[in-house]
All heavy atoms as atom14 arrays in JSON, in Angstrom:
{
  "sequence": "VFPDEIIIDEDEQKLTYRKGQIIGHKETT",
  "atom14_mask": [
    [1, 1, 1, 1, 1, 1, 1, 0, 0, 0, 0, 0, 0, 0],
    [1, 1, 1, 1, 1, 1, 1, 1, 1, 1, 1, 0, 0, 0],
    [1, 1, 1, 1, 1, 1, 1, 0, 0, 0, 0, 0, 0, 0],
    [1, 1, 1, 1, 1, 1, 1, 1, 0, 0, 0, 0, 0, 0],
    [1, 1, 1, 1, 1, 1, 1, 1, 1, 0, 0, 0, 0, 0],
    [1, 1, 1, 1, 1, 1, 1, 1, 0, 0, 0, 0, 0, 0],
    [1, 1, 1, 1, 1, 1, 1, 1, 0, 0, 0, 0, 0, 0],
    [1, 1, 1, 1, 1, 1, 1, 1, 0, 0, 0, 0, 0, 0],
    [1, 1, 1, 1, 1, 1, 1, 1, 0, 0, 0, 0, 0, 0],
    [1, 1, 1, 1, 1, 1, 1, 1, 1, 0, 0, 0, 0, 0],
    [1, 1, 1, 1, 1, 1, 1, 1, 0, 0, 0, 0, 0, 0],
    [1, 1, 1, 1, 1, 1, 1, 1, 1, 0, 0, 0, 0, 0],
    [1, 1, 1, 1, 1, 1, 1, 1, 1, 0, 0, 0, 0, 0],
    [1, 1, 1, 1, 1, 1, 1, 1, 1, 0, 0, 0, 0, 0],
    [1, 1, 1, 1, 1, 1, 1, 1, 0, 0, 0, 0, 0, 0],
    [1, 1, 1, 1, 1, 1, 1, 0, 0, 0, 0, 0, 0, 0],
    [1, 1, 1, 1, 1, 1, 1, 1, 1, 1, 1, 1, 0, 0],
    [1, 1, 1, 1, 1, 1, 1, 1, 1, 1, 1, 0, 0, 0],
    [1, 1, 1, 1, 1, 1, 1, 1, 1, 0, 0, 0, 0, 0],
    [1, 1, 1, 1, 0, 0, 0, 0, 0, 0, 0, 0, 0, 0],
    [1, 1, 1, 1, 1, 1, 1, 1, 1, 0, 0, 0, 0, 0],
    [1, 1, 1, 1, 1, 1, 1, 1, 0, 0, 0, 0, 0, 0],
    [1, 1, 1, 1, 1, 1, 1, 1, 0, 0, 0, 0, 0, 0],
    [1, 1, 1, 1, 0, 0, 0, 0, 0, 0, 0, 0, 0, 0],
    [1, 1, 1, 1, 1, 1, 1, 1, 1, 1, 0, 0, 0, 0],
    [1, 1, 1, 1, 1, 1, 1, 1, 1, 0, 0, 0, 0, 0],
    [1, 1, 1, 1, 1, 1, 1, 1, 1, 0, 0, 0, 0, 0],
    [1, 1, 1, 1, 1, 1, 1, 0, 0, 0, 0, 0, 0, 0],
    [1, 1, 1, 1, 1, 1, 1, 0, 0, 0, 0, 0, 0, 0]
  ],
  "atom14_positions": [
    [[0.82, -1.21, 0.0], [0.0, 0.0, 0.0], [0.86, 1.26, 0.0], [0.56, 2.23, -0.69], [-0.95, 0.0, 1.22], [-1.8, 1.26, 1.25], [-1.85, -1.22, 1.2], [0.0, 0.0, 0.0], [0.0, 0.0, 0.0], [0.0, 0.0, 0.0], [0.0, 0.0, 0.0], [0.0, 0.0, 0.0], [0.0, 0.0, 0.0], [0.0, 0.0, 0.0]],
    [[1.94, 1.23, 0.78], [2.79, 2.42, 0.94], [4.24, 2.09, 0.62], [5.02, 1.76, 1.5], [2.7, 2.93, 2.39], [1.29, 3.18, 2.85], [0.71, 2.36, 3.8], [0.55, 4.22, 2.33], [-0.58, 2.59, 4.24], [-0.75, 4.45, 2.76], [-1.31, 3.63, 3.71], [0.0, 0.0, 0.0], [0.0, 0.0, 0.0], [0.0, 0.0, 0.0]],
    [[4.64, 2.15, -0.65], [6.02, 1.82, -1.0], [7.02, 2.87, -0.48], [6.69, 4.05, -0.37], [6.01, 1.8, -2.53], [4.87, 2.68, -2.91], [3.85, 2.54, -1.81], [0.0, 0.0, 0.0], [0.0, 0.0, 0.0], [0.0, 0.0, 0.0], [0.0, 0.0, 0.0], [0.0, 0.0, 0.0], [0.0, 0.0, 0.0], [0.0, 0.0, 0.0]],
    [[8.22, 2.4, -0.16], [9.29, 3.3, 0.26], [9.7, 4.18, -0.92], [9.65, 3.76, -2.07], [10.51, 2.5, 0.72], [10.28, 1.77, 2.04], [9.25, 2.01, 2.69], [11.14, 0.97, 2.42], [0.0, 0.0, 0.0], [0.0, 0.0, 0.0], [0.0, 0.0, 0.0], [0.0, 0.0, 0.0], [0.0, 0.0, 0.0], [0.0, 0.0, 0.0]],
    [[10.11, 5.4, -0.6], [10.6, 6.33, -1.62], [11.92, 6.93, -1.16], [12.08, 7.23, 0.03], [9.61, 7.47, -1.85], [8.28, 7.06, -2.41], [7.36, 8.24, -2.55], [7.57, 9.07, -3.46], [6.44, 8.34, -1.71], [0.0, 0.0, 0.0], [0.0, 0.0, 0.0], [0.0, 0.0, 0.0], [0.0, 0.0, 0.0], [0.0, 0.0, 0.0]],
    [[12.83, 7.11, -2.1], [14.08, 7.82, -1.84], [14.19, 8.92, -2.88], [14.09, 8.66, -4.08], [15.3, 6.89, -1.89], [15.27, 5.92, -0.71], [16.6, 7.7, -1.88], [16.43, 4.95, -0.65], [0.0, 0.0, 0.0], [0.0, 0.0, 0.0], [0.0, 0.0, 0.0], [0.0, 0.0, 0.0], [0.0, 0.0, 0.0], [0.0, 0.0, 0.0]],
    [[14.42, 10.14, -2.4], [14.55, 11.3, -3.27], [15.94, 11.89, -3.02], [16.28, 12.19, -1.88], [13.46, 12.34, -2.98], [12.08, 11.7, -3.16], [13.64, 13.57, -3.87], [10.97, 12.41, -2.45], [0.0, 0.0, 0.0], [0.0, 0.0, 0.0], [0.0, 0.0, 0.0], [0.0, 0.0, 0.0], [0.0, 0.0, 0.0], [0.0, 0.0, 0.0]],
    [[16.72, 12.01, -4.08], [18.07, 12.55, -3.97], [18.12, 13.85, -4.76], [17.81, 13.89, -5.94], [19.12, 11.56, -4.51], [19.08, 10.27, -3.66], [20.51, 12.18, -4.52], [19.94, 9.16, -4.19], [0.0, 0.0, 0.0], [0.0, 0.0, 0.0], [0.0, 0.0, 0.0], [0.0, 0.0, 0.0], [0.0, 0.0, 0.0], [0.0, 0.0, 0.0]],
    [[18.52, 14.92, -4.07], [18.64, 16.23, -4.68], [20.12, 16.63, -4.61], [20.6, 17.03, -3.55], [17.77, 17.24, -3.94], [17.72, 18.6, -4.63], [18.65, 18.91, -5.41], [16.76, 19.34, -4.39], [0.0, 0.0, 0.0], [0.0, 0.0, 0.0], [0.0, 0.0, 0.0], [0.0, 0.0, 0.0], [0.0, 0.0, 0.0], [0.0, 0.0, 0.0]],
    [[20.82, 16.48, -5.72], [22.26, 16.78, -5.74], [22.53, 18.28, -5.62], [23.57, 18.67, -5.1], [22.91, 16.23, -7.01], [23.04, 14.72, -6.98], [23.81, 14.18, -8.17], [23.74, 14.79, -9.27], [24.48, 13.15, -7.99], [0.0, 0.0, 0.0], [0.0, 0.0, 0.0], [0.0, 0.0, 0.0], [0.0, 0.0, 0.0], [0.0, 0.0, 0.0]],
    [[21.62, 19.11, -6.11], [21.83, 20.55, -6.02], [21.82, 21.03, -4.58], [22.63, 21.86, -4.18], [20.77, 21.3, -6.84], [20.89, 21.04, -8.33], [22.01, 20.73, -8.79], [19.87, 21.15, -9.03], [0.0, 0.0, 0.0], [0.0, 0.0, 0.0], [0.0, 0.0, 0.0], [0.0, 0.0, 0.0], [0.0, 0.0, 0.0], [0.0, 0.0, 0.0]],
    [[20.89, 20.52, -3.79], [20.8, 20.9, -2.38], [21.6, 19.98, -1.47], [21.61, 20.17, -0.25], [19.34, 20.96, -1.94], [18.57, 22.07, -2.61], [17.2, 22.28, -2.0], [16.99, 21.92, -0.83], [16.33, 22.81, -2.71], [0.0, 0.0, 0.0], [0.0, 0.0, 0.0], [0.0, 0.0, 0.0], [0.0, 0.0, 0.0], [0.0, 0.0, 0.0]],
    [[22.23, 18.96, -2.06], [23.07, 18.01, -1.31], [22.29, 17.35, -0.17], [22.72, 17.34, 0.98], [24.31, 18.73, -0.75], [25.25, 19.25, -1.82], [26.02, 18.12, -2.46], [26.75, 17.41, -1.8], [25.85, 17.95, -3.76], [0.0, 0.0, 0.0], [0.0, 0.0, 0.0], [0.0, 0.0, 0.0], [0.0, 0.0, 0.0], [0.0, 0.0, 0.0]],
    [[21.11, 16.79, -0.51], [20.32, 16.13, 0.52], [19.58, 14.91, -0.02], [19.34, 14.79, -1.22], [19.33, 17.1, 1.16], [18.19, 17.52, 0.27], [17.23, 18.45, 0.99], [16.04, 18.78, 0.1], [15.07, 19.61, 0.8], [0.0, 0.0, 0.0], [0.0, 0.0, 0.0], [0.0, 0.0, 0.0], [0.0, 0.0, 0.0], [0.0, 0.0, 0.0]],
    [[19.25, 14.02, 0.9], [18.5, 12.82, 0.61], [17.24, 12.84, 1.47], [17.29, 13.21, 2.65], [19.33, 11.58, 0.96], [18.58, 10.26, 1.04], [19.35, 9.19, 0.32], [18.32, 9.85, 2.46], [0.0, 0.0, 0.0], [0.0, 0.0, 0.0], [0.0, 0.0, 0.0], [0.0, 0.0, 0.0], [0.0, 0.0, 0.0], [0.0, 0.0, 0.0]],
    [[16.11, 12.44, 0.89], [14.87, 12.34, 1.64], [14.36, 10.91, 1.52], [14.24, 10.38, 0.41], [13.8, 13.32, 1.11], [14.33, 14.64, 1.17], [12.53, 13.24, 1.92], [0.0, 0.0, 0.0], [0.0, 0.0, 0.0], [0.0, 0.0, 0.0], [0.0, 0.0, 0.0], [0.0, 0.0, 0.0], [0.0, 0.0, 0.0], [0.0, 0.0, 0.0]],
    [[14.09, 10.28, 2.67], [13.5, 8.94, 2.71], [12.06, 9.11, 3.18], [11.81, 9.73, 4.2], [14.28, 8.04, 3.67], [13.56, 6.76, 4.02], [13.35, 5.78, 3.05], [13.07, 6.53, 5.29], [12.67, 4.62, 3.36], [12.4, 5.37, 5.61], [12.21, 4.4, 4.64], [11.54, 3.25, 4.94], [0.0, 0.0, 0.0], [0.0, 0.0, 0.0]],
    [[11.13, 8.55, 2.43], [9.72, 8.71, 2.74], [9.05, 7.34, 2.82], [9.18, 6.52, 1.93], [9.05, 9.55, 1.67], [7.64, 9.96, 1.98], [7.06, 10.85, 0.91], [7.77, 12.13, 0.87], [7.91, 12.86, -0.22], [7.43, 12.45, -1.36], [8.56, 14.01, -0.16], [0.0, 0.0, 0.0], [0.0, 0.0, 0.0], [0.0, 0.0, 0.0]],
    [[8.34, 7.11, 3.92], [7.58, 5.88, 4.13], [6.14, 6.27, 4.42], [5.87, 6.95, 5.41], [8.17, 5.09, 5.3], [7.41, 3.82, 5.64], [7.53, 2.82, 4.52], [6.81, 1.52, 4.88], [6.74, 0.63, 3.75], [0.0, 0.0, 0.0], [0.0, 0.0, 0.0], [0.0, 0.0, 0.0], [0.0, 0.0, 0.0], [0.0, 0.0, 0.0]],
    [[5.22, 5.86, 3.56], [3.82, 6.2, 3.75], [3.2, 5.45, 4.92], [3.65, 4.38, 5.31], [0.0, 0.0, 0.0], [0.0, 0.0, 0.0], [0.0, 0.0, 0.0], [0.0, 0.0, 0.0], [0.0, 0.0, 0.0], [0.0, 0.0, 0.0], [0.0, 0.0, 0.0], [0.0, 0.0, 0.0], [0.0, 0.0, 0.0], [0.0, 0.0, 0.0]],
    [[2.17, 6.04, 5.48], [1.41, 5.43, 6.57], [-0.07, 5.62, 6.28], [-0.44, 6.29, 5.3], [1.79, 6.1, 7.89], [3.24, 5.93, 8.25], [3.63, 6.7, 9.51], [2.92, 7.6, 9.94], [4.76, 6.33, 10.09], [0.0, 0.0, 0.0], [0.0, 0.0, 0.0], [0.0, 0.0, 0.0], [0.0, 0.0, 0.0], [0.0, 0.0, 0.0]],
    [[-0.91, 5.05, 7.11], [-2.35, 5.17, 6.89], [-2.76, 6.63, 6.83], [-3.53, 7.04, 5.97], [-3.13, 4.41, 7.98], [-2.89, 2.92, 7.81], [-4.61, 4.72, 7.91], [-3.49, 2.05, 8.87], [0.0, 0.0, 0.0], [0.0, 0.0, 0.0], [0.0, 0.0, 0.0], [0.0, 0.0, 0.0], [0.0, 0.0, 0.0], [0.0, 0.0, 0.0]],
    [[-2.25, 7.42, 7.74], [-2.51, 8.86, 7.72], [-1.17, 9.57, 7.57], [-0.33, 9.53, 8.45], [-3.22, 9.32, 9.01], [-4.57, 8.63, 9.14], [-3.37, 10.83, 9.03], [-5.28, 8.89, 10.43], [0.0, 0.0, 0.0], [0.0, 0.0, 0.0], [0.0, 0.0, 0.0], [0.0, 0.0, 0.0], [0.0, 0.0, 0.0], [0.0, 0.0, 0.0]],
    [[-0.95, 10.2, 6.43], [0.29, 10.94, 6.18], [1.46, 10.04, 5.8], [1.27, 8.96, 5.24], [0.0, 0.0, 0.0], [0.0, 0.0, 0.0], [0.0, 0.0, 0.0], [0.0, 0.0, 0.0], [0.0, 0.0, 0.0], [0.0, 0.0, 0.0], [0.0, 0.0, 0.0], [0.0, 0.0, 0.0], [0.0, 0.0, 0.0], [0.0, 0.0, 0.0]],
    [[2.64, 10.49, 6.15], [3.85, 9.72, 5.87], [4.95, 10.12, 6.84], [4.9, 11.19, 7.46], [4.32, 9.93, 4.43], [4.67, 11.34, 4.09], [3.75, 12.23, 3.62], [5.83, 12.04, 4.18], [4.33, 13.4, 3.42], [5.6, 13.32, 3.76], [0.0, 0.0, 0.0], [0.0, 0.0, 0.0], [0.0, 0.0, 0.0], [0.0, 0.0, 0.0]],
    [[5.92, 9.23, 6.99], [7.1, 9.51, 7.81], [8.2, 9.91, 6.85], [8.45, 9.22, 5.86], [7.5, 8.27, 8.59], [8.72, 8.45, 9.44], [9.07, 7.16, 10.16], [10.37, 7.33, 10.92], [10.79, 6.08, 11.54], [0.0, 0.0, 0.0], [0.0, 0.0, 0.0], [0.0, 0.0, 0.0], [0.0, 0.0, 0.0], [0.0, 0.0, 0.0]],
    [[8.86, 11.02, 7.12], [9.88, 11.53, 6.21], [11.15, 11.86, 6.99], [11.09, 12.5, 8.03], [9.34, 12.77, 5.51], [10.23, 13.31, 4.43], [9.54, 14.4, 3.63], [8.63, 14.08, 2.85], [9.92, 15.56, 3.8], [0.0, 0.0, 0.0], [0.0, 0.0, 0.0], [0.0, 0.0, 0.0], [0.0, 0.0, 0.0], [0.0, 0.0, 0.0]],
    [[12.27, 11.39, 6.47], [13.58, 11.68, 7.06], [14.43, 12.34, 5.99], [14.56, 11.81, 4.88], [14.26, 10.38, 7.53], [13.4, 9.7, 8.44], [15.58, 10.67, 8.2], [0.0, 0.0, 0.0], [0.0, 0.0, 0.0], [0.0, 0.0, 0.0], [0.0, 0.0, 0.0], [0.0, 0.0, 0.0], [0.0, 0.0, 0.0], [0.0, 0.0, 0.0]],
    [[15.01, 13.49, 6.32], [15.87, 14.19, 5.38], [17.28, 14.27, 5.97], [17.45, 14.6, 7.13], [15.34, 15.62, 5.12], [14.02, 15.51, 4.57], [16.22, 16.36, 4.12], [0.0, 0.0, 0.0], [0.0, 0.0, 0.0], [0.0, 0.0, 0.0], [0.0, 0.0, 0.0], [0.0, 0.0, 0.0], [0.0, 0.0, 0.0], [0.0, 0.0, 0.0]]
  ]
}
């Protein structure tokens, strides 16, 4: 239902890990 996502932004030099939940999502940058 909620696949893991990884977003890499080389310009801002950051990684975002996103895990969906029933309400909203958990995000780590």
